[in-house]
Amino acid sequence: MIPTQDLNAFLHAPTIEDLWGLLTRRMEDYGFDRLIYGATRYRTATSLGDPDDFVLLTNHAPEFTEGHLDF
């Protein structure tokens, strides 16, 4: 279970960069050293929508993302 203190820090992070830093450090405590997060509000049954509308965050090396996450 994630401590309430950490959840509050996530919810009150002033920027997406701050939130991502908090989350990646916390997940390292669970043994996850690489993360990919993706979100879109425009998903349909057959599409994730326009790639320009995606939020995609990762701490993988560019060598990995360039071959797997390019849109």
N, C-alpha and C. Protein backbone atom coordinates (compact mmCIF):
# COMPACT_ATOMS: atom_id res chain seq x y z
N MET A 1 0.84 -1.17 0.00
CA MET A 1 0.00 0.00 0.00
C MET A 1 0.89 1.24 0.00
N ILE A 2 0.49 2.23 -0.79
CA ILE A 2 1.24 3.49 -0.85
C ILE A 2 0.85 4.35 0.34
N PRO A 3 1.82 4.84 1.08
CA PRO A 3 1.51 5.68 2.24
C PRO A 3 0.73 6.95 1.84
N THR A 4 -0.13 7.38 2.73
CA THR A 4 -0.94 8.59 2.51
C THR A 4 -0.06 9.79 2.20
N GLN A 5 1.07 9.89 2.83
CA GLN A 5 1.99 11.00 2.60
C GLN A 5 2.44 11.04 1.13
N ASP A 6 2.72 9.87 0.57
CA ASP A 6 3.13 9.82 -0.84
C ASP A 6 1.97 10.19 -1.76
N LEU A 7 0.78 9.68 -1.47
CA LEU A 7 -0.38 10.03 -2.29
C LEU A 7 -0.63 11.54 -2.28
N ASN A 8 -0.53 12.15 -1.12
CA ASN A 8 -0.69 13.60 -1.02
C ASN A 8 0.37 14.33 -1.84
N ALA A 9 1.59 13.84 -1.81
CA ALA A 9 2.65 14.46 -2.61
C ALA A 9 2.34 14.34 -4.10
N PHE A 10 1.85 13.18 -4.53
CA PHE A 10 1.47 12.99 -5.94
C PHE A 10 0.37 13.98 -6.33
N LEU A 11 -0.64 14.07 -5.50
CA LEU A 11 -1.80 14.91 -5.82
C LEU A 11 -1.49 16.40 -5.80
N HIS A 12 -0.47 16.78 -5.06
CA HIS A 12 -0.15 18.19 -4.93
C HIS A 12 1.12 18.60 -5.67
N ALA A 13 1.64 17.72 -6.50
CA ALA A 13 2.83 18.07 -7.28
C ALA A 13 2.49 19.25 -8.20
N PRO A 14 3.34 20.28 -8.21
CA PRO A 14 3.01 21.47 -8.97
C PRO A 14 3.14 21.33 -10.49
N THR A 15 3.94 20.37 -10.95
CA THR A 15 4.10 20.18 -12.40
C THR A 15 4.10 18.69 -12.72
N ILE A 16 3.87 18.38 -13.99
CA ILE A 16 3.92 16.98 -14.44
C ILE A 16 5.32 16.42 -14.25
N GLU A 17 6.34 17.26 -14.43
CA GLU A 17 7.73 16.80 -14.23
C GLU A 17 7.98 16.43 -12.77
N ASP A 18 7.44 17.23 -11.86
CA ASP A 18 7.58 16.92 -10.43
C ASP A 18 6.85 15.63 -10.09
N LEU A 19 5.64 15.48 -10.60
CA LEU A 19 4.86 14.26 -10.36
C LEU A 19 5.58 13.04 -10.90
N TRP A 20 6.09 13.14 -12.12
CA TRP A 20 6.79 12.01 -12.73
C TRP A 20 8.02 11.64 -11.91
N GLY A 21 8.76 12.62 -11.42
CA GLY A 21 9.92 12.35 -10.57
C GLY A 21 9.53 11.64 -9.29
N LEU A 22 8.48 12.11 -8.65
CA LEU A 22 8.01 11.46 -7.41
C LEU A 22 7.58 10.02 -7.69
N LEU A 23 6.84 9.83 -8.77
CA LEU A 23 6.33 8.50 -9.10
C LEU A 23 7.45 7.53 -9.46
N THR A 24 8.39 7.96 -10.28
CA THR A 24 9.47 7.05 -10.66
C THR A 24 10.33 6.66 -9.46
N ARG A 25 10.60 7.63 -8.57
CA ARG A 25 11.38 7.29 -7.36
C ARG A 25 10.61 6.31 -6.47
N ARG A 26 9.31 6.51 -6.33
CA ARG A 26 8.51 5.62 -5.49
C ARG A 26 8.45 4.22 -6.09
N MET A 27 8.29 4.14 -7.40
CA MET A 27 8.21 2.83 -8.04
C MET A 27 9.54 2.09 -7.99
N GLU A 28 10.65 2.82 -7.94
CA GLU A 28 11.96 2.18 -7.75
C GLU A 28 11.99 1.43 -6.42
N ASP A 29 11.30 1.96 -5.42
CA ASP A 29 11.24 1.28 -4.12
C ASP A 29 10.55 -0.08 -4.23
N TYR A 30 9.69 -0.23 -5.23
CA TYR A 30 9.00 -1.50 -5.46
C TYR A 30 9.75 -2.40 -6.44
N GLY A 31 10.90 -1.93 -6.93
CA GLY A 31 11.71 -2.74 -7.83
C GLY A 31 11.49 -2.45 -9.31
N PHE A 32 10.72 -1.42 -9.63
CA PHE A 32 10.49 -1.06 -11.03
C PHE A 32 11.45 0.08 -11.39
N ASP A 33 12.41 -0.23 -12.25
CA ASP A 33 13.38 0.80 -12.62
C ASP A 33 13.05 1.47 -13.95
N ARG A 34 12.07 0.95 -14.69
CA ARG A 34 11.64 1.53 -15.95
C ARG A 34 10.12 1.60 -15.96
N LEU A 35 9.58 2.73 -16.41
CA LEU A 35 8.13 2.92 -16.46
C LEU A 35 7.72 3.50 -17.80
N ILE A 36 6.52 3.14 -18.21
CA ILE A 36 5.86 3.78 -19.35
C ILE A 36 4.45 4.11 -18.88
N TYR A 37 4.05 5.36 -19.06
CA TYR A 37 2.70 5.79 -18.72
C TYR A 37 2.10 6.43 -19.95
N GLY A 38 0.89 6.04 -20.28
CA GLY A 38 0.21 6.64 -21.41
C GLY A 38 -1.24 6.91 -21.07
N ALA A 39 -1.76 8.00 -21.61
CA ALA A 39 -3.17 8.36 -21.39
C ALA A 39 -3.69 9.14 -22.59
N THR A 40 -4.97 8.96 -22.84
CA THR A 40 -5.66 9.73 -23.86
C THR A 40 -7.12 9.83 -23.46
N ARG A 41 -7.76 10.90 -23.84
CA ARG A 41 -9.19 11.06 -23.59
C ARG A 41 -10.00 10.73 -24.83
N TYR A 42 -9.33 10.38 -25.91
CA TYR A 42 -10.01 10.24 -27.20
C TYR A 42 -10.00 8.82 -27.73
N ARG A 43 -9.91 7.85 -26.87
CA ARG A 43 -9.90 6.45 -27.28
C ARG A 43 -11.27 6.02 -27.76
N THR A 44 -11.28 5.21 -28.80
CA THR A 44 -12.52 4.59 -29.27
C THR A 44 -12.29 3.08 -29.28
N ALA A 45 -13.25 2.34 -29.77
CA ALA A 45 -13.12 0.88 -29.82
C ALA A 45 -12.02 0.44 -30.77
N THR A 46 -11.67 1.29 -31.73
CA THR A 46 -10.69 0.89 -32.75
C THR A 46 -9.47 1.80 -32.84
N SER A 47 -9.37 2.80 -31.97
CA SER A 47 -8.28 3.75 -32.10
C SER A 47 -7.95 4.39 -30.75
N LEU A 48 -6.71 4.81 -30.62
CA LEU A 48 -6.31 5.60 -29.46
C LEU A 48 -6.44 7.10 -29.74
N GLY A 49 -6.94 7.44 -30.91
CA GLY A 49 -7.11 8.83 -31.27
C GLY A 49 -5.84 9.41 -31.88
N ASP A 50 -5.82 10.71 -31.98
CA ASP A 50 -4.70 11.43 -32.58
C ASP A 50 -3.49 11.36 -31.65
N PRO A 51 -2.34 10.87 -32.14
CA PRO A 51 -1.15 10.80 -31.30
C PRO A 51 -0.73 12.15 -30.71
N ASP A 52 -1.10 13.25 -31.35
CA ASP A 52 -0.79 14.57 -30.79
C ASP A 52 -1.56 14.85 -29.51
N ASP A 53 -2.60 14.08 -29.24
CA ASP A 53 -3.40 14.25 -28.03
C ASP A 53 -3.01 13.28 -26.91
N PHE A 54 -2.05 12.39 -27.16
CA PHE A 54 -1.59 11.44 -26.14
C PHE A 54 -0.74 12.15 -25.10
N VAL A 55 -0.78 11.62 -23.89
CA VAL A 55 0.24 11.93 -22.88
C VAL A 55 1.04 10.64 -22.74
N LEU A 56 2.31 10.71 -23.00
CA LEU A 56 3.17 9.53 -22.93
C LEU A 56 4.43 9.91 -22.19
N LEU A 57 4.65 9.24 -21.05
CA LEU A 57 5.82 9.50 -20.22
C LEU A 57 6.59 8.19 -20.05
N THR A 58 7.89 8.28 -20.07
CA THR A 58 8.73 7.10 -19.85
C THR A 58 10.10 7.52 -19.34
N ASN A 59 10.73 6.62 -18.63
CA ASN A 59 12.12 6.85 -18.25
C ASN A 59 13.03 5.82 -18.93
N HIS A 60 12.51 5.18 -19.99
CA HIS A 60 13.33 4.29 -20.80
C HIS A 60 14.33 5.11 -21.61
N ALA A 61 15.41 4.48 -21.99
CA ALA A 61 16.43 5.13 -22.82
C ALA A 61 15.87 5.45 -24.20
N PRO A 62 16.33 6.52 -24.83
CA PRO A 62 15.87 6.86 -26.18
C PRO A 62 16.06 5.72 -27.18
N GLU A 63 17.09 4.91 -27.00
CA GLU A 63 17.31 3.77 -27.90
C GLU A 63 16.13 2.81 -27.89
N PHE A 64 15.47 2.68 -26.76
CA PHE A 64 14.28 1.83 -26.66
C PHE A 64 13.05 2.53 -27.20
N THR A 65 12.82 3.74 -26.77
CA THR A 65 11.58 4.43 -27.14
C THR A 65 11.53 4.76 -28.64
N GLU A 66 12.67 5.07 -29.25
CA GLU A 66 12.68 5.41 -30.67
C GLU A 66 12.22 4.25 -31.54
N GLY A 67 12.45 3.05 -31.11
CA GLY A 67 12.02 1.89 -31.88
C GLY A 67 10.65 1.36 -31.53
N HIS A 68 10.14 1.74 -30.38
CA HIS A 68 8.90 1.14 -29.91
C HIS A 68 7.75 2.12 -29.68
N LEU A 69 8.06 3.38 -29.42
CA LEU A 69 7.02 4.33 -29.05
C LEU A 69 6.89 5.49 -30.01
N ASP A 70 7.46 5.40 -31.18
CA ASP A 70 7.32 6.48 -32.16
C ASP A 70 5.94 6.42 -32.80
N PHE A 71 5.34 7.59 -32.97
CA PHE A 71 4.02 7.67 -33.61
C PHE A 71 4.11 8.55 -34.82
